[in-house]
C-alpha atoms as a PDB file:
ATOM      1  CA  MET A   1      98.458  96.853  59.939  1.00  0.00           C
ATOM      2  CA  ARG A   2      99.357 100.529  59.619  1.00  0.00           C
ATOM      3  CA  ARG A   3      95.712 101.465  59.496  1.00  0.00           C
ATOM      4  CA  ALA A   4      94.972  99.473  62.678  1.00  0.00           C
ATOM      5  CA  LEU A   5      97.846 101.206  64.507  1.00  0.00           C
ATOM      6  CA  LEU A   6      96.605 104.610  63.317  1.00  0.00           C
ATOM      7  CA  VAL A   7      93.067 103.864  64.549  1.00  0.00           C
ATOM      8  CA  LEU A   8      94.467 102.674  67.906  1.00  0.00           C
ATOM      9  CA  ALA A   9      96.617 105.798  68.280  1.00  0.00           C
ATOM     10  CA  ILE A  10      93.670 108.088  67.496  1.00  0.00           C
ATOM     11  CA  THR A  11      91.401 106.186  69.909  1.00  0.00           C
ATOM     12  CA  LEU A  12      93.937 106.431  72.733  1.00  0.00           C
ATOM     13  CA  GLY A  13      94.501 110.103  71.999  1.00  0.00           C
ATOM     14  CA  VAL A  14      90.768 110.886  72.176  1.00  0.00           C
ATOM     15  CA  ALA A  15      90.372 108.785  75.341  1.00  0.00           C
ATOM     16  CA  SER A  16      93.140 110.755  77.063  1.00  0.00           C
ATOM     17  CA  PHE A  17      91.215 113.987  76.470  1.00  0.00           C
ATOM     18  CA  ALA A  18      87.894 112.488  77.604  1.00  0.00           C
ATOM     19  CA  THR A  19      89.208 111.074  80.887  1.00  0.00           C
ATOM     20  CA  PRO A  20      88.982 113.460  83.860  1.00  0.00           C
ATOM     21  CA  SER A  21      92.371 114.283  85.326  1.00  0.00           C
ATOM     22  CA  TYR A  22      93.061 114.313  89.035  1.00  0.00           C
ATOM     23  CA  ALA A  23      96.724 115.231  88.767  1.00  0.00           C
ATOM     24  CA  GLY A  24      98.528 114.656  92.023  1.00  0.00           C
ATOM     25  CA  LEU A  25      95.793 112.464  93.532  1.00  0.00           C
ATOM     26  CA  SER A  26      97.362 109.120  92.667  1.00  0.00           C
ATOM     27  CA  GLY A  27      99.653 109.517  95.687  1.00  0.00           C
ATOM     28  CA  ALA A  28      96.838 110.344  98.109  1.00  0.00           C
ATOM     29  CA  HIS A  29      97.085 108.460 101.400  1.00  0.00           C
ATOM     30  CA  PHE A  30      95.945 108.674 105.019  1.00  0.00           C
ATOM     31  CA  ASN A  31      98.415 109.043 107.867  1.00  0.00           C
ATOM     32  CA  ASN A  32      98.120 109.708 111.590  1.00  0.00           C
ATOM     33  CA  VAL A  33      94.521 108.422 111.704  1.00  0.00           C
ATOM     34  CA  THR A  34      93.205 108.040 115.249  1.00  0.00           C
ATOM     35  CA  ILE A  35      89.939 106.246 116.039  1.00  0.00           C
ATOM     36  CA  THR A  36      88.390 106.990 119.435  1.00  0.00           C
ATOM     37  CA  ILE A  37      85.364 105.249 120.927  1.00  0.00           C
ATOM     38  CA  SER A  38      83.453 106.594 123.907  1.00  0.00           C
ATOM     39  CA  GLY A  39      80.173 104.886 124.740  1.00  0.00           C
ATOM     40  CA  ASN A  40      78.094 104.916 121.580  1.00  0.00           C
ATOM     41  CA  THR A  41      80.141 107.652 119.838  1.00  0.00           C
ATOM     42  CA  ILE A  42      83.016 107.053 117.450  1.00  0.00           C
ATOM     43  CA  THR A  43      85.422 109.710 116.194  1.00  0.00           C
ATOM     44  CA  ALA A  44      88.085 109.671 113.517  1.00  0.00           C
ATOM     45  CA  GLU A  45      90.728 112.320 113.082  1.00  0.00           C
ATOM     46  CA  GLY A  46      93.892 112.552 111.104  1.00  0.00           C
ATOM     47  CA  ARG A  47      95.464 113.781 107.905  1.00  0.00           C
ATOM     48  CA  GLU A  48      95.285 112.842 104.273  1.00  0.00           C
ATOM     49  CA  ALA A  49      98.345 113.772 102.232  1.00  0.00           C
ATOM     50  CA  GLY A  50      99.332 113.637  98.581  1.00  0.00           C
ATOM     51  CA  LEU A  51      96.267 115.571  97.430  1.00  0.00           C
ATOM     52  CA  GLY A  52      97.964 117.812  94.890  1.00  0.00           C
ATOM     53  CA  ASN A  53      96.193 120.948  93.731  1.00  0.00           C
ATOM     54  CA  VAL A  54      92.573 120.293  94.745  1.00  0.00           C
ATOM     55  CA  ASP A  55      90.712 122.863  96.864  1.00  0.00           C
ATOM     56  CA  GLN A  56      88.857 120.443  99.126  1.00  0.00           C
ATOM     57  CA  THR A  57      88.185 116.786  99.690  1.00  0.00           C
ATOM     58  CA  HIS A  58      85.187 114.836 101.019  1.00  0.00           C
ATOM     59  CA  ILE A  59      85.925 112.300 103.767  1.00  0.00           C
ATOM     60  CA  VAL A  60      83.441 109.811 105.261  1.00  0.00           C
ATOM     61  CA  LEU A  61      83.582 107.687 108.437  1.00  0.00           C
ATOM     62  CA  ASN A  62      81.562 104.443 108.352  1.00  0.00           C
ATOM     63  CA  ALA A  63      81.149 101.788 111.051  1.00  0.00           C
ATOM     64  CA  THR A  64      78.762  99.136 112.332  1.00  0.00           C
ATOM     65  CA  ALA A  65      77.695  99.358 115.979  1.00  0.00           C
ATOM     66  CA  LEU A  66      76.648  96.228 117.860  1.00  0.00           C
ATOM     67  CA  CYS A  67      74.828  96.104 121.190  1.00  0.00           C
ATOM     68  CA  ILE A  68      76.634  93.472 123.294  1.00  0.00           C
ATOM     69  CA  ASN A  69      75.040  91.919 126.393  1.00  0.00           C
ATOM     70  CA  GLY A  70      76.713  91.494 129.788  1.00  0.00           C
ATOM     71  CA  GLY A  71      77.868  87.993 128.806  1.00  0.00           C
ATOM     72  CA  GLY A  72      79.838  89.370 125.881  1.00  0.00           C
ATOM     73  CA  LYS A  73      77.360  88.118 123.255  1.00  0.00           C
ATOM     74  CA  HIS A  74      75.545  89.937 120.492  1.00  0.00           C
ATOM     75  CA  PRO A  75      71.993  88.748 121.295  1.00  0.00           C
ATOM     76  CA  ARG A  76      70.147  89.658 118.084  1.00  0.00           C
ATOM     77  CA  ALA A  77      71.322  90.362 114.554  1.00  0.00           C
ATOM     78  CA  VAL A  78      68.781  93.195 114.359  1.00  0.00           C
ATOM     79  CA  ASN A  79      70.345  94.864 117.406  1.00  0.00           C
ATOM     80  CA  LYS A  80      72.971  96.637 115.321  1.00  0.00           C
ATOM     81  CA  THR A  81      73.082  99.898 113.444  1.00  0.00           C
ATOM     82  CA  GLY A  82      75.214 101.677 110.909  1.00  0.00           C
ATOM     83  CA  VAL A  83      77.062 104.839 111.831  1.00  0.00           C
ATOM     84  CA  ALA A  84      78.219 107.384 109.262  1.00  0.00           C
ATOM     85  CA  ALA A  85      79.631 110.893 109.353  1.00  0.00           C
ATOM     86  CA  GLY A  86      81.125 112.916 106.547  1.00  0.00           C
ATOM     87  CA  GLY A  87      82.393 116.322 105.651  1.00  0.00           C
ATOM     88  CA  ASP A  88      84.296 118.512 103.239  1.00  0.00           C
ATOM     89  CA  PHE A  89      87.785 119.536 104.337  1.00  0.00           C
ATOM     90  CA  PRO A  90      90.030 122.208 102.812  1.00  0.00           C
ATOM     91  CA  VAL A  91      93.277 121.121 101.194  1.00  0.00           C
ATOM     92  CA  GLN A  92      96.337 123.215 101.992  1.00  0.00           C
ATOM     93  CA  ASN A  93      99.801 122.424 100.663  1.00  0.00           C
ATOM     94  CA  GLY A  94      98.577 119.050  99.367  1.00  0.00           C
ATOM     95  CA  HIS A  95      97.099 117.765 102.643  1.00  0.00           C
ATOM     96  CA  ALA A  96      93.831 117.947 104.578  1.00  0.00           C
ATOM     97  CA  ASP A  97      93.275 117.567 108.318  1.00  0.00           C
ATOM     98  CA  PHE A  98      89.929 116.042 109.287  1.00  0.00           C
ATOM     99  CA  PHE A  99      87.766 115.318 112.332  1.00  0.00           C
ATOM    100  CA  LEU A 100      84.552 113.282 112.091  1.00  0.00           C
ATOM    101  CA  SER A 101      82.203 112.028 114.792  1.00  0.00           C
ATOM    102  CA  GLY A 102      79.188 109.708 114.650  1.00  0.00           C
ATOM    103  CA  THR A 103      76.819 108.374 117.286  1.00  0.00           C
ATOM    104  CA  ALA A 104      75.097 104.974 117.211  1.00  0.00           C
ATOM    105  CA  VAL A 105      71.372 105.117 117.910  1.00  0.00           C
ATOM    106  CA  PHE A 106      69.659 101.870 118.903  1.00  0.00           C
ATOM    107  CA  GLU A 107      65.957 101.059 119.116  1.00  0.00           C
ATOM    108  CA  PRO A 108      65.463  99.834 121.818  1.00  0.00           C
ATOM    109  CA  ASN A 109      68.291 101.596 123.639  1.00  0.00           C
ATOM    110  CA  CYS A 110      71.560  99.822 124.294  1.00  0.00           C
ATOM    111  CA  SER A 111      71.777 100.547 128.019  1.00  0.00           C
ATOM    112  CA  PRO A 112      73.805  98.908 130.834  1.00  0.00           C
ATOM    113  CA  PRO A 113      74.654  96.167 131.335  1.00  0.00           C
ATOM    114  CA  MET A 114      74.687  96.203 127.502  1.00  0.00           C
ATOM    115  CA  THR A 115      77.648  97.911 125.811  1.00  0.00           C
ATOM    116  CA  VAL A 116      78.334  99.184 122.301  1.00  0.00           C
ATOM    117  CA  GLN A 117      81.018  97.562 120.165  1.00  0.00           C
ATOM    118  CA  PHE A 118      82.094  99.019 116.806  1.00  0.00           C
ATOM    119  CA  THR A 119      83.183  96.890 113.836  1.00  0.00           C
ATOM    120  CA  ASP A 120      83.902  97.432 110.131  1.00  0.00           C
ATOM    121  CA  ILE A 121      85.399 100.892 110.741  1.00  0.00           C
ATOM    122  CA  THR A 122      86.568 102.711 107.609  1.00  0.00           C
ATOM    123  CA  VAL A 123      87.543 106.248 106.672  1.00  0.00           C
ATOM    124  CA  THR A 124      87.161 106.965 102.943  1.00  0.00           C
ATOM    125  CA  ASP A 125      87.986 109.958 100.797  1.00  0.00           C
ATOM    126  CA  THR A 126      85.242 109.879  98.170  1.00  0.00           C
ATOM    127  CA  THR A 127      87.186 112.398  96.060  1.00  0.00           C
ATOM    128  CA  THR A 128      90.262 110.173  95.627  1.00  0.00           C
ATOM    129  CA  GLY A 129      88.807 106.752  96.461  1.00  0.00           C
ATOM    130  CA  VAL A 130      91.433 106.171  99.178  1.00  0.00           C
ATOM    131  CA  THR A 131      90.241 104.112 102.175  1.00  0.00           C
ATOM    132  CA  TYR A 132      91.737 103.548 105.610  1.00  0.00           C
ATOM    133  CA  THR A 133      90.495 100.423 107.421  1.00  0.00           C
ATOM    134  CA  TYR A 134      90.796 100.407 111.204  1.00  0.00           C
ATOM    135  CA  ARG A 135      92.271  97.123 112.476  1.00  0.00           C
ATOM    136  CA  GLY A 136      91.844  97.917 116.195  1.00  0.00           C
END
């Protein structure tokens, strides 16, 4: 029994040295996130706090854009596109301010009377793994 406990203690001790440490990142969170949609362009801006002592963070905006006809219907499943934008943002005093913008490009064009509708909008910090999901 003693030997098993000793082996377990040594294993845990070695694992603690082998695991990368992101001290201060466990409290990372988004606040004041604003999503703005204008035509076929989507923007996300806001602040991520609780970042600790990292120099910068990488934030990504993802969304799905649908081309909706004048009757309010999405006519074809293929008439949608993914939108993504990302960037590195400096961390100062444990927080980072960000601004990201992406434009949906359709083939064929999504022109009037068709309109663009965005769904599945997320903002993710790939450094910390924190995600904000827009609920509209």
